[in-house]
Amino acid sequence: MNDLNFVTVGDGTRIAYRLEGEANKPVLALSNSIGTTLRMWDMQIEDLSKHFRVLRYDFRGHGASSVPVGAYSLDRLGRDMIELLDALSIERAHFLGLSLGGFVGQWLGVHAPERIDRLILSNTSSYLGPARLFDERIAAVLQAPDMSETAEMFLGNWFPAPMLTGKAPVVEKFRAMLQAIDRHGLAGLYAAVRDADLRRTIALISRPTLVIAGEHDTVTALSHSELIAATLPGAKLVVLPAVHLSNVEYPAEFMEAALGFLR
């Protein structure tokens, strides 16, 4: 596995990234869910790197990226992506974002369409209110003795009961990922989701877009994906019988949808 590399963005934050695949292939950027690292995509890399040069990264506040204290904004997360592309001299890329990564994808589609070829928005939303809910989560995570309770909450929202009770190895991998997350980084990203409302502006997205939804998603409900697909001109919608992490729960079907659209 390639070593991590780092880019320092405009406000001094170091962003960890990994670039895999042949240099002559088109670039596909991957963006994760909150509470995860770039290893969220491990199951997809072998297949994707046959067709693309795959760029994945850790959000500020997560994984090996640095953890600025305070609230983050979706605007800043979007610019982190643009500055990463700039540092790697990548003019345009396909973009696949899941959950919070999908918020970033929508922001890029609105604010930097010249940098995006095709856009995949998976298990995401344009708005996840009310703000009070996120303020409560921020307070709870900052006051908790450790990340174990937060980790169990996320896992319960991400995976179906049989995977949780069966202690599937992949669930244990995500549990370890969650327990290692810095609480200040999680609070910062919670704030970015709290303050984001793209419901009107995404009508401006002109890039070809695929929306992937989880039929049983309790975080970003199917209705949220349906709204995005209805708002974006010409967007396609694929619904998988998944909860929140469609790429983990239904990897073959997820890859079929994504590759079919990107190629």
C-alpha atoms as a PDB file:
ATOM      1  CA  MET A   1       0.000   0.000   0.000  1.00  0.00           C
ATOM      2  CA  ASN A   2       1.336   3.441  -0.924  1.00  0.00           C
ATOM      3  CA  ASP A   3       2.601   5.626   1.864  1.00  0.00           C
ATOM      4  CA  LEU A   4       0.614   8.687   2.855  1.00  0.00           C
ATOM      5  CA  ASN A   5       1.605  12.029   1.402  1.00  0.00           C
ATOM      6  CA  PHE A   6       0.744  15.489   2.703  1.00  0.00           C
ATOM      7  CA  VAL A   7      -0.250  18.863   1.286  1.00  0.00           C
ATOM      8  CA  THR A   8      -0.432  22.019   3.397  1.00  0.00           C
ATOM      9  CA  VAL A   9      -3.461  24.137   2.423  1.00  0.00           C
ATOM     10  CA  GLY A  10      -3.985  27.881   2.715  1.00  0.00           C
ATOM     11  CA  ASP A  11      -4.776  28.076   6.417  1.00  0.00           C
ATOM     12  CA  GLY A  12      -1.808  25.888   7.394  1.00  0.00           C
ATOM     13  CA  THR A  13      -3.722  22.610   7.787  1.00  0.00           C
ATOM     14  CA  ARG A  14      -1.908  19.490   6.602  1.00  0.00           C
ATOM     15  CA  ILE A  15      -4.108  17.199   4.506  1.00  0.00           C
ATOM     16  CA  ALA A  16      -3.083  13.539   4.195  1.00  0.00           C
ATOM     17  CA  TYR A  17      -3.699  11.882   0.848  1.00  0.00           C
ATOM     18  CA  ARG A  18      -2.905   8.801  -1.201  1.00  0.00           C
ATOM     19  CA  LEU A  19      -2.679   8.688  -5.016  1.00  0.00           C
ATOM     20  CA  GLU A  20      -2.842   5.240  -6.629  1.00  0.00           C
ATOM     21  CA  GLY A  21      -2.903   4.000 -10.211  1.00  0.00           C
ATOM     22  CA  GLU A  22      -1.117   4.839 -13.456  1.00  0.00           C
ATOM     23  CA  ALA A  23      -0.342   8.486 -14.172  1.00  0.00           C
ATOM     24  CA  ASN A  24      -1.852   8.372 -17.678  1.00  0.00           C
ATOM     25  CA  LYS A  25      -5.331   7.389 -16.447  1.00  0.00           C
ATOM     26  CA  PRO A  26      -8.102   9.915 -15.685  1.00  0.00           C
ATOM     27  CA  VAL A  27      -8.220  10.978 -12.033  1.00  0.00           C
ATOM     28  CA  LEU A  28     -11.026   9.929  -9.712  1.00  0.00           C
ATOM     29  CA  ALA A  29     -11.155  11.722  -6.345  1.00  0.00           C
ATOM     30  CA  LEU A  30     -12.856   9.935  -3.439  1.00  0.00           C
ATOM     31  CA  SER A  31     -14.264  11.724  -0.386  1.00  0.00           C
ATOM     32  CA  ASN A  32     -15.306   9.934   2.815  1.00  0.00           C
ATOM     33  CA  SER A  33     -18.033   9.919   5.403  1.00  0.00           C
ATOM     34  CA  ILE A  34     -17.610  11.829   8.647  1.00  0.00           C
ATOM     35  CA  GLY A  35     -16.000   9.605  11.286  1.00  0.00           C
ATOM     36  CA  THR A  36     -13.881   7.668   8.764  1.00  0.00           C
ATOM     37  CA  THR A  37     -10.506   7.928   7.056  1.00  0.00           C
ATOM     38  CA  LEU A  38      -9.465   7.332   3.458  1.00  0.00           C
ATOM     39  CA  ARG A  39      -9.378   3.603   4.364  1.00  0.00           C
ATOM     40  CA  MET A  40     -13.181   3.676   4.006  1.00  0.00           C
ATOM     41  CA  TRP A  41     -12.515   2.996   0.298  1.00  0.00           C
ATOM     42  CA  ASP A  42     -10.096   0.048   0.708  1.00  0.00           C
ATOM     43  CA  MET A  43     -12.532  -2.442  -0.867  1.00  0.00           C
ATOM     44  CA  GLN A  44     -12.877  -0.293  -3.993  1.00  0.00           C
ATOM     45  CA  ILE A  45      -9.254   0.616  -4.737  1.00  0.00           C
ATOM     46  CA  GLU A  46      -8.173  -2.521  -6.609  1.00  0.00           C
ATOM     47  CA  ASP A  47     -11.050  -2.271  -9.096  1.00  0.00           C
ATOM     48  CA  LEU A  48     -11.032   1.508  -9.418  1.00  0.00           C
ATOM     49  CA  SER A  49      -7.289   1.758 -10.008  1.00  0.00           C
ATOM     50  CA  LYS A  50      -7.630  -0.471 -13.098  1.00  0.00           C
ATOM     51  CA  HIS A  51      -9.505   2.390 -14.755  1.00  0.00           C
ATOM     52  CA  PHE A  52      -8.465   5.538 -12.862  1.00  0.00           C
ATOM     53  CA  ARG A  53      -5.697   7.247 -11.012  1.00  0.00           C
ATOM     54  CA  VAL A  54      -7.415   7.270  -7.622  1.00  0.00           C
ATOM     55  CA  LEU A  55      -6.968  10.162  -5.198  1.00  0.00           C
ATOM     56  CA  ARG A  56      -8.278   9.739  -1.657  1.00  0.00           C
ATOM     57  CA  TYR A  57      -7.640  11.856   1.400  1.00  0.00           C
ATOM     58  CA  ASP A  58      -8.427  12.401   5.078  1.00  0.00           C
ATOM     59  CA  PHE A  59     -10.692  15.326   5.942  1.00  0.00           C
ATOM     60  CA  ARG A  60      -9.126  17.970   8.150  1.00  0.00           C
ATOM     61  CA  GLY A  61      -9.669  16.795  11.715  1.00  0.00           C
ATOM     62  CA  HIS A  62      -9.647  13.105  10.753  1.00  0.00           C
ATOM     63  CA  GLY A  63      -7.089  10.367  10.173  1.00  0.00           C
ATOM     64  CA  ALA A  64      -3.559  11.598   9.511  1.00  0.00           C
ATOM     65  CA  SER A  65      -4.640  15.144   8.566  1.00  0.00           C
ATOM     66  CA  SER A  66      -4.080  17.840  11.160  1.00  0.00           C
ATOM     67  CA  VAL A  67      -6.833  18.897  13.569  1.00  0.00           C
ATOM     68  CA  PRO A  68      -7.527  22.639  13.642  1.00  0.00           C
ATOM     69  CA  VAL A  69      -9.586  23.585  16.700  1.00  0.00           C
ATOM     70  CA  GLY A  70     -13.008  25.170  16.156  1.00  0.00           C
ATOM     71  CA  ALA A  71     -15.854  24.841  13.693  1.00  0.00           C
ATOM     72  CA  TYR A  72     -15.079  23.884  10.093  1.00  0.00           C
ATOM     73  CA  SER A  73     -17.194  25.034   7.146  1.00  0.00           C
ATOM     74  CA  LEU A  74     -18.298  23.254   3.986  1.00  0.00           C
ATOM     75  CA  ASP A  75     -16.688  26.108   2.051  1.00  0.00           C
ATOM     76  CA  ARG A  76     -13.333  25.305   3.687  1.00  0.00           C
ATOM     77  CA  LEU A  77     -13.736  21.560   3.040  1.00  0.00           C
ATOM     78  CA  GLY A  78     -14.451  22.291  -0.615  1.00  0.00           C
ATOM     79  CA  ARG A  79     -11.386  24.489  -0.882  1.00  0.00           C
ATOM     80  CA  ASP A  80      -9.260  21.799   0.771  1.00  0.00           C
ATOM     81  CA  MET A  81     -10.172  19.582  -2.195  1.00  0.00           C
ATOM     82  CA  ILE A  82      -9.406  22.289  -4.759  1.00  0.00           C
ATOM     83  CA  GLU A  83      -6.051  23.070  -3.125  1.00  0.00           C
ATOM     84  CA  LEU A  84      -5.205  19.350  -3.086  1.00  0.00           C
ATOM     85  CA  LEU A  85      -5.953  19.138  -6.828  1.00  0.00           C
ATOM     86  CA  ASP A  86      -3.880  22.282  -7.422  1.00  0.00           C
ATOM     87  CA  ALA A  87      -0.904  20.911  -5.467  1.00  0.00           C
ATOM     88  CA  LEU A  88      -0.983  17.728  -7.576  1.00  0.00           C
ATOM     89  CA  SER A  89      -1.418  19.679 -10.856  1.00  0.00           C
ATOM     90  CA  ILE A  90      -4.752  17.950 -11.513  1.00  0.00           C
ATOM     91  CA  GLU A  91      -6.922  20.224 -13.636  1.00  0.00           C
ATOM     92  CA  ARG A  92     -10.040  18.073 -13.690  1.00  0.00           C
ATOM     93  CA  ALA A  93     -11.186  14.918 -11.940  1.00  0.00           C
ATOM     94  CA  HIS A  94     -14.200  12.716 -11.563  1.00  0.00           C
ATOM     95  CA  PHE A  95     -15.486  13.005  -7.999  1.00  0.00           C
ATOM     96  CA  LEU A  96     -17.192  10.384  -5.820  1.00  0.00           C
ATOM     97  CA  GLY A  97     -18.295  11.489  -2.367  1.00  0.00           C
ATOM     98  CA  LEU A  98     -20.266   9.524   0.214  1.00  0.00           C
ATOM     99  CA  SER A  99     -22.182  11.189   3.060  1.00  0.00           C
ATOM    100  CA  LEU A 100     -20.116  14.257   4.084  1.00  0.00           C
ATOM    101  CA  GLY A 101     -18.041  13.573   0.951  1.00  0.00           C
ATOM    102  CA  GLY A 102     -21.276  14.008  -1.004  1.00  0.00           C
ATOM    103  CA  PHE A 103     -21.803  17.429   0.589  1.00  0.00           C
ATOM    104  CA  VAL A 104     -18.308  18.355  -0.651  1.00  0.00           C
ATOM    105  CA  GLY A 105     -19.182  16.987  -4.103  1.00  0.00           C
ATOM    106  CA  GLN A 106     -22.284  19.176  -4.252  1.00  0.00           C
ATOM    107  CA  TRP A 107     -20.240  22.221  -3.177  1.00  0.00           C
ATOM    108  CA  LEU A 108     -17.693  21.533  -5.925  1.00  0.00           C
ATOM    109  CA  GLY A 109     -20.453  21.065  -8.504  1.00  0.00           C
ATOM    110  CA  VAL A 110     -21.842  24.498  -7.597  1.00  0.00           C
ATOM    111  CA  HIS A 111     -18.619  26.456  -6.968  1.00  0.00           C
ATOM    112  CA  ALA A 112     -15.935  24.742  -9.065  1.00  0.00           C
ATOM    113  CA  PRO A 113     -17.658  22.932 -11.956  1.00  0.00           C
ATOM    114  CA  GLU A 114     -14.621  23.513 -14.185  1.00  0.00           C
ATOM    115  CA  ARG A 115     -12.636  21.110 -11.957  1.00  0.00           C
ATOM    116  CA  ILE A 116     -15.169  18.242 -12.115  1.00  0.00           C
ATOM    117  CA  ASP A 117     -15.880  15.829 -14.970  1.00  0.00           C
ATOM    118  CA  ARG A 118     -18.483  13.414 -13.618  1.00  0.00           C
ATOM    119  CA  LEU A 119     -19.969  13.584 -10.165  1.00  0.00           C
ATOM    120  CA  ILE A 120     -21.242  10.739  -7.961  1.00  0.00           C
ATOM    121  CA  LEU A 121     -23.155  11.681  -4.812  1.00  0.00           C
ATOM    122  CA  SER A 122     -23.678   8.646  -2.584  1.00  0.00           C
ATOM    123  CA  ASN A 123     -25.752   8.369   0.611  1.00  0.00           C
ATOM    124  CA  THR A 124     -25.808  12.103   1.094  1.00  0.00           C
ATOM    125  CA  SER A 125     -28.088  15.067   1.576  1.00  0.00           C
ATOM    126  CA  SER A 126     -28.249  18.765   0.730  1.00  0.00           C
ATOM    127  CA  TYR A 127     -29.353  19.655   4.253  1.00  0.00           C
ATOM    128  CA  LEU A 128     -29.353  17.775   7.564  1.00  0.00           C
ATOM    129  CA  GLY A 129     -31.054  19.941  10.155  1.00  0.00           C
ATOM    130  CA  PRO A 130     -31.996  21.088  12.614  1.00  0.00           C
ATOM    131  CA  ALA A 131     -28.869  22.890  13.897  1.00  0.00           C
ATOM    132  CA  ARG A 132     -29.823  22.136  17.518  1.00  0.00           C
ATOM    133  CA  LEU A 133     -29.264  18.417  16.877  1.00  0.00           C
ATOM    134  CA  PHE A 134     -25.658  19.019  15.812  1.00  0.00           C
ATOM    135  CA  ASP A 135     -25.009  21.433  18.678  1.00  0.00           C
ATOM    136  CA  GLU A 136     -26.097  18.653  21.055  1.00  0.00           C
ATOM    137  CA  ARG A 137     -23.804  16.138  19.331  1.00  0.00           C
ATOM    138  CA  ILE A 138     -20.859  18.565  19.428  1.00  0.00           C
ATOM    139  CA  ALA A 139     -21.369  19.148  23.173  1.00  0.00           C
ATOM    140  CA  ALA A 140     -21.723  15.403  23.816  1.00  0.00           C
ATOM    141  CA  VAL A 141     -18.600  14.369  21.922  1.00  0.00           C
ATOM    142  CA  LEU A 142     -16.478  17.090  23.538  1.00  0.00           C
ATOM    143  CA  GLN A 143     -17.636  16.075  27.022  1.00  0.00           C
ATOM    144  CA  ALA A 144     -17.520  12.279  26.631  1.00  0.00           C
ATOM    145  CA  PRO A 145     -14.782  10.351  28.487  1.00  0.00           C
ATOM    146  CA  ASP A 146     -13.777   8.598  25.239  1.00  0.00           C
ATOM    147  CA  MET A 147     -15.064   7.852  21.727  1.00  0.00           C
ATOM    148  CA  SER A 148     -16.665   4.460  22.472  1.00  0.00           C
ATOM    149  CA  GLU A 149     -20.272   5.673  22.846  1.00  0.00           C
ATOM    150  CA  THR A 150     -19.949   7.906  19.769  1.00  0.00           C
ATOM    151  CA  ALA A 151     -18.491   4.980  17.807  1.00  0.00           C
ATOM    152  CA  GLU A 152     -21.440   2.717  18.710  1.00  0.00           C
ATOM    153  CA  MET A 153     -23.920   5.430  17.673  1.00  0.00           C
ATOM    154  CA  PHE A 154     -22.267   5.746  14.256  1.00  0.00           C
ATOM    155  CA  LEU A 155     -22.050   1.979  13.724  1.00  0.00           C
ATOM    156  CA  GLY A 156     -25.736   1.646  14.587  1.00  0.00           C
ATOM    157  CA  ASN A 157     -26.544   4.248  11.942  1.00  0.00           C
ATOM    158  CA  TRP A 158     -24.226   2.794   9.316  1.00  0.00           C
ATOM    159  CA  PHE A 159     -24.780  -0.971   9.290  1.00  0.00           C
ATOM    160  CA  PRO A 160     -27.771  -3.353   9.390  1.00  0.00           C
ATOM    161  CA  ALA A 161     -28.374  -5.252  12.628  1.00  0.00           C
ATOM    162  CA  PRO A 162     -27.121  -8.655  11.344  1.00  0.00           C
ATOM    163  CA  MET A 163     -23.702  -7.174  10.480  1.00  0.00           C
ATOM    164  CA  LEU A 164     -23.486  -5.570  13.942  1.00  0.00           C
ATOM    165  CA  THR A 165     -24.583  -8.590  15.980  1.00  0.00           C
ATOM    166  CA  GLY A 166     -22.435 -10.931  13.859  1.00  0.00           C
ATOM    167  CA  LYS A 167     -19.332  -8.826  14.597  1.00  0.00           C
ATOM    168  CA  ALA A 168     -18.424  -8.749  10.904  1.00  0.00           C
ATOM    169  CA  PRO A 169     -14.684  -8.038  10.473  1.00  0.00           C
ATOM    170  CA  VAL A 170     -15.477  -4.953   8.401  1.00  0.00           C
ATOM    171  CA  VAL A 171     -17.578  -3.557  11.267  1.00  0.00           C
ATOM    172  CA  GLU A 172     -14.622  -4.043  13.638  1.00  0.00           C
ATOM    173  CA  LYS A 173     -12.426  -2.137  11.183  1.00  0.00           C
ATOM    174  CA  PHE A 174     -14.833   0.808  11.231  1.00  0.00           C
ATOM    175  CA  ARG A 175     -15.177   0.611  15.020  1.00  0.00           C
ATOM    176  CA  ALA A 176     -11.389   0.975  15.337  1.00  0.00           C
ATOM    177  CA  MET A 177     -11.447   3.876  12.834  1.00  0.00           C
ATOM    178  CA  LEU A 178     -14.136   5.675  14.847  1.00  0.00           C
ATOM    179  CA  GLN A 179     -12.475   5.132  18.209  1.00  0.00           C
ATOM    180  CA  ALA A 180      -9.259   6.680  16.864  1.00  0.00           C
ATOM    181  CA  ILE A 181     -10.982   9.866  15.568  1.00  0.00           C
ATOM    182  CA  ASP A 182      -9.991  13.081  17.347  1.00  0.00           C
ATOM    183  CA  ARG A 183     -13.044  14.507  19.160  1.00  0.00           C
ATOM    184  CA  HIS A 184     -12.154  18.087  18.129  1.00  0.00           C
ATOM    185  CA  GLY A 185     -11.964  16.996  14.495  1.00  0.00           C
ATOM    186  CA  LEU A 186     -15.345  15.309  14.741  1.00  0.00           C
ATOM    187  CA  ALA A 187     -16.854  18.411  16.388  1.00  0.00           C
ATOM    188  CA  GLY A 188     -15.373  20.588  13.624  1.00  0.00           C
ATOM    189  CA  LEU A 189     -16.901  18.434  10.879  1.00  0.00           C
ATOM    190  CA  TYR A 190     -20.242  18.243  12.704  1.00  0.00           C
ATOM    191  CA  ALA A 191     -20.311  22.049  12.515  1.00  0.00           C
ATOM    192  CA  ALA A 192     -19.724  21.954   8.745  1.00  0.00           C
ATOM    193  CA  VAL A 193     -22.737  19.658   8.306  1.00  0.00           C
ATOM    194  CA  ARG A 194     -24.825  21.730  10.745  1.00  0.00           C
ATOM    195  CA  ASP A 195     -24.302  24.931   8.753  1.00  0.00           C
ATOM    196  CA  ALA A 196     -24.623  23.469   5.246  1.00  0.00           C
ATOM    197  CA  ASP A 197     -27.773  24.063   3.209  1.00  0.00           C
ATOM    198  CA  LEU A 198     -27.419  23.367  -0.512  1.00  0.00           C
ATOM    199  CA  ARG A 199     -31.083  22.663  -1.259  1.00  0.00           C
ATOM    200  CA  ARG A 200     -31.495  25.653  -3.576  1.00  0.00           C
ATOM    201  CA  THR A 201     -27.992  26.105  -4.984  1.00  0.00           C
ATOM    202  CA  ILE A 202     -27.544  22.545  -6.298  1.00  0.00           C
ATOM    203  CA  ALA A 203     -29.951  23.425  -9.109  1.00  0.00           C
ATOM    204  CA  LEU A 204     -26.861  25.155 -10.585  1.00  0.00           C
ATOM    205  CA  ILE A 205     -24.882  21.904 -10.918  1.00  0.00           C
ATOM    206  CA  SER A 206     -24.309  21.257 -14.612  1.00  0.00           C
ATOM    207  CA  ARG A 207     -21.957  18.249 -14.463  1.00  0.00           C
ATOM    208  CA  PRO A 208     -23.308  14.768 -15.284  1.00  0.00           C
ATOM    209  CA  THR A 209     -24.351  13.366 -11.902  1.00  0.00           C
ATOM    210  CA  LEU A 210     -25.213   9.954 -10.473  1.00  0.00           C
ATOM    211  CA  VAL A 211     -26.980   9.801  -7.104  1.00  0.00           C
ATOM    212  CA  ILE A 212     -26.621   6.525  -5.164  1.00  0.00           C
ATOM    213  CA  ALA A 213     -29.062   6.022  -2.292  1.00  0.00           C
ATOM    214  CA  GLY A 214     -29.521   3.451   0.456  1.00  0.00           C
ATOM    215  CA  GLU A 215     -33.081   2.181   0.685  1.00  0.00           C
ATOM    216  CA  HIS A 216     -32.728   1.741   4.478  1.00  0.00           C
ATOM    217  CA  ASP A 217     -30.493   4.759   5.155  1.00  0.00           C
ATOM    218  CA  THR A 218     -31.448   6.392   8.477  1.00  0.00           C
ATOM    219  CA  VAL A 219     -28.771   9.122   8.268  1.00  0.00           C
ATOM    220  CA  THR A 220     -29.325  10.553   4.789  1.00  0.00           C
ATOM    221  CA  ALA A 221     -32.762   9.190   3.975  1.00  0.00           C
ATOM    222  CA  LEU A 222     -33.720   7.910   0.521  1.00  0.00           C
ATOM    223  CA  SER A 223     -36.018  10.946   0.226  1.00  0.00           C
ATOM    224  CA  HIS A 224     -32.941  13.213   0.469  1.00  0.00           C
ATOM    225  CA  SER A 225     -31.306  11.456  -2.488  1.00  0.00           C
ATOM    226  CA  GLU A 226     -34.557  11.601  -4.434  1.00  0.00           C
ATOM    227  CA  LEU A 227     -34.704  15.353  -3.834  1.00  0.00           C
ATOM    228  CA  ILE A 228     -31.122  15.837  -5.050  1.00  0.00           C
ATOM    229  CA  ALA A 229     -31.782  13.756  -8.176  1.00  0.00           C
ATOM    230  CA  ALA A 230     -34.991  15.702  -8.868  1.00  0.00           C
ATOM    231  CA  THR A 231     -33.231  19.067  -8.403  1.00  0.00           C
ATOM    232  CA  LEU A 232     -30.168  18.367 -10.577  1.00  0.00           C
ATOM    233  CA  PRO A 233     -30.830  18.600 -14.314  1.00  0.00           C
ATOM    234  CA  GLY A 234     -30.473  15.139 -15.873  1.00  0.00           C
ATOM    235  CA  ALA A 235     -29.222  13.372 -12.725  1.00  0.00           C
ATOM    236  CA  LYS A 236     -29.560   9.585 -12.494  1.00  0.00           C
ATOM    237  CA  LEU A 237     -30.672   7.829  -9.301  1.00  0.00           C
ATOM    238  CA  VAL A 238     -29.662   4.298  -8.261  1.00  0.00           C
ATOM    239  CA  VAL A 239     -31.147   2.825  -5.061  1.00  0.00           C
ATOM    240  CA  LEU A 240     -29.319  -0.022  -3.298  1.00  0.00           C
ATOM    241  CA  PRO A 241     -30.907  -2.097  -0.471  1.00  0.00           C
ATOM    242  CA  ALA A 242     -28.282  -0.668   1.909  1.00  0.00           C
ATOM    243  CA  VAL A 243     -28.182   1.381   5.082  1.00  0.00           C
ATOM    244  CA  HIS A 244     -25.574   4.191   4.991  1.00  0.00           C
ATOM    245  CA  LEU A 245     -22.227   2.815   3.769  1.00  0.00           C
ATOM    246  CA  SER A 246     -23.405   1.415   0.439  1.00  0.00           C
ATOM    247  CA  ASN A 247     -19.839   0.828  -0.766  1.00  0.00           C
ATOM    248  CA  VAL A 248     -19.161  -1.462   2.212  1.00  0.00           C
ATOM    249  CA  GLU A 249     -22.501  -3.267   2.468  1.00  0.00           C
ATOM    250  CA  TYR A 250     -23.037  -3.810  -1.284  1.00  0.00           C
ATOM    251  CA  PRO A 251     -19.560  -3.423  -2.816  1.00  0.00           C
ATOM    252  CA  ALA A 252     -20.262  -5.283  -6.083  1.00  0.00           C
ATOM    253  CA  GLU A 253     -23.507  -3.415  -6.825  1.00  0.00           C
ATOM    254  CA  PHE A 254     -21.919  -0.119  -5.783  1.00  0.00           C
ATOM    255  CA  MET A 255     -18.970  -0.638  -8.142  1.00  0.00           C
ATOM    256  CA  GLU A 256     -21.260  -1.693 -10.989  1.00  0.00           C
ATOM    257  CA  ALA A 257     -23.255   1.543 -10.641  1.00  0.00           C
ATOM    258  CA  ALA A 258     -20.198   3.771 -10.232  1.00  0.00           C
ATOM    259  CA  LEU A 259     -18.097   2.266 -13.043  1.00  0.00           C
ATOM    260  CA  GLY A 260     -21.085   2.076 -15.366  1.00  0.00           C
ATOM    261  CA  PHE A 261     -21.604   5.805 -14.915  1.00  0.00           C
ATOM    262  CA  LEU A 262     -17.956   6.926 -14.947  1.00  0.00           C
ATOM    263  CA  ARG A 263     -16.984   4.894 -18.014  1.00  0.00           C
END
